[in-house]
Protein backbone atom coordinates (compact mmCIF):
# COMPACT_ATOMS: atom_id res chain seq x y z
CA UNK A 1 129.88 -80.61 -7.73
CA UNK A 2 131.10 -81.69 -11.47
CA UNK A 3 132.83 -84.92 -11.13
CA UNK A 4 133.87 -85.64 -14.72
CA UNK A 5 137.12 -85.13 -13.77
CA UNK A 6 137.27 -87.24 -10.54
CA UNK A 7 136.45 -90.43 -12.57
CA UNK A 8 139.63 -92.68 -13.13
CA UNK A 9 140.17 -96.14 -13.87
CA UNK A 10 141.48 -98.64 -11.36
CA UNK A 11 145.04 -98.70 -13.19
CA UNK A 12 145.08 -94.88 -12.28
CA UNK A 13 144.83 -95.80 -8.53
CA UNK A 14 147.40 -98.39 -8.53
CA UNK A 15 150.23 -96.12 -10.25
CA UNK A 16 149.37 -93.11 -8.56
CA UNK A 17 147.99 -93.81 -5.06
CA UNK A 18 150.30 -91.67 -2.97
CA UNK A 19 148.73 -88.71 -5.56
CA UNK A 20 145.59 -89.51 -5.27
CA UNK A 21 145.67 -89.48 -1.07
CA UNK A 22 147.49 -86.21 -1.31
CA UNK A 23 144.98 -84.85 -3.94
CA UNK A 24 141.76 -86.46 -1.48
CA UNK A 25 143.46 -84.54 1.28
CA UNK A 26 143.81 -81.45 -0.33
CA UNK A 27 141.02 -81.34 -2.63
CA UNK A 28 138.29 -82.58 -0.57
CA UNK A 29 136.52 -83.71 -3.61
CA UNK A 30 135.72 -87.63 -4.06
CA UNK A 31 137.41 -89.69 -6.38
CA UNK A 32 135.06 -92.56 -8.34
CA UNK A 33 137.36 -95.76 -9.46
CA UNK A 34 136.11 -97.37 -12.08
CA UNK A 35 136.93 -101.15 -13.30
CA UNK A 36 136.34 -102.40 -16.79
CA UNK A 37 134.48 -99.10 -17.40
CA UNK A 38 131.69 -99.50 -14.78
CA UNK A 39 131.89 -97.11 -11.26
CA UNK A 40 133.03 -99.41 -8.67
CA UNK A 41 133.95 -97.21 -5.67
CA UNK A 42 134.15 -93.67 -4.19
CA UNK A 43 137.11 -92.39 -2.56
CA UNK A 44 136.86 -89.48 -0.01
CA UNK A 45 139.15 -87.97 2.48
CA UNK A 46 138.81 -88.66 5.81
CA UNK A 47 137.38 -85.44 7.25
CA UNK A 48 134.67 -85.62 4.19
CA UNK A 49 133.68 -88.80 5.10
CA UNK A 50 133.20 -87.87 8.97
CA UNK A 51 131.21 -85.12 7.71
CA UNK A 52 128.97 -87.31 5.61
CA UNK A 53 128.50 -89.90 8.43
CA UNK A 54 127.02 -86.88 10.89
CA UNK A 55 124.84 -85.53 8.12
CA UNK A 56 123.49 -88.93 7.67
CA UNK A 57 122.87 -89.11 11.49
CA UNK A 58 121.27 -85.86 11.93
CA UNK A 59 118.90 -87.17 9.20
CA UNK A 60 117.59 -90.19 10.45
CA UNK A 61 117.14 -88.33 13.98
CA UNK A 62 115.05 -85.89 11.92
CA UNK A 63 113.29 -88.77 10.02
CA UNK A 64 112.66 -90.46 13.63
CA UNK A 65 111.21 -86.90 14.73
CA UNK A 66 109.08 -86.39 11.93
CA UNK A 67 107.71 -90.23 12.14
CA UNK A 68 106.73 -89.74 15.76
CA UNK A 69 104.87 -86.33 14.95
CA UNK A 70 102.90 -88.04 12.44
CA UNK A 71 102.21 -90.76 14.53
CA UNK A 72 101.01 -88.43 17.39
CA UNK A 73 104.11 -89.24 19.85
CA UNK A 74 104.19 -85.70 21.16
CA UNK A 75 103.99 -83.43 24.02
CA UNK A 76 103.49 -79.91 24.90
CA UNK A 77 107.23 -78.53 25.25
CA UNK A 78 105.82 -77.67 28.69
CA UNK A 79 104.91 -80.44 29.87
CA UNK A 80 108.19 -82.29 29.36
CA UNK A 81 110.11 -79.49 30.75
CA UNK A 82 108.07 -79.85 33.84
CA UNK A 83 108.67 -83.63 34.11
CA UNK A 84 112.57 -83.14 33.78
CA UNK A 85 112.78 -80.73 36.08
CA UNK A 86 110.62 -82.85 38.67
CA UNK A 87 113.10 -85.86 37.90
CA UNK A 88 115.74 -83.74 38.68
CA UNK A 89 114.86 -82.54 42.17
C-alpha cells in the first residue's frame, strides 16, 4: 500500500473534514495527518479499524499458543477431548 497520496497536514483535515470522512469510508485507506511537518496521527474508517483489532487479537492468541508450546504446556488432543467429554457427561 503506497501512502504518499495519503499524507495531509492538519490544516487540510480542518478545512475538509467532511470530505476526509467520506473518502476514508469509500477508499478504506488510512490518512496520515502531519503537524509542523511531522506525522502525528493516522485516521482510518471504522471497518478497517475493527479488522485491525480482530487481527491483533488473533495474533496475540497465536503468540500465547506458541509460548505455551515452547514451555511444554501442551497435551495430546485425544487426552483433551476425553477430558472434555467426561466433564460434559
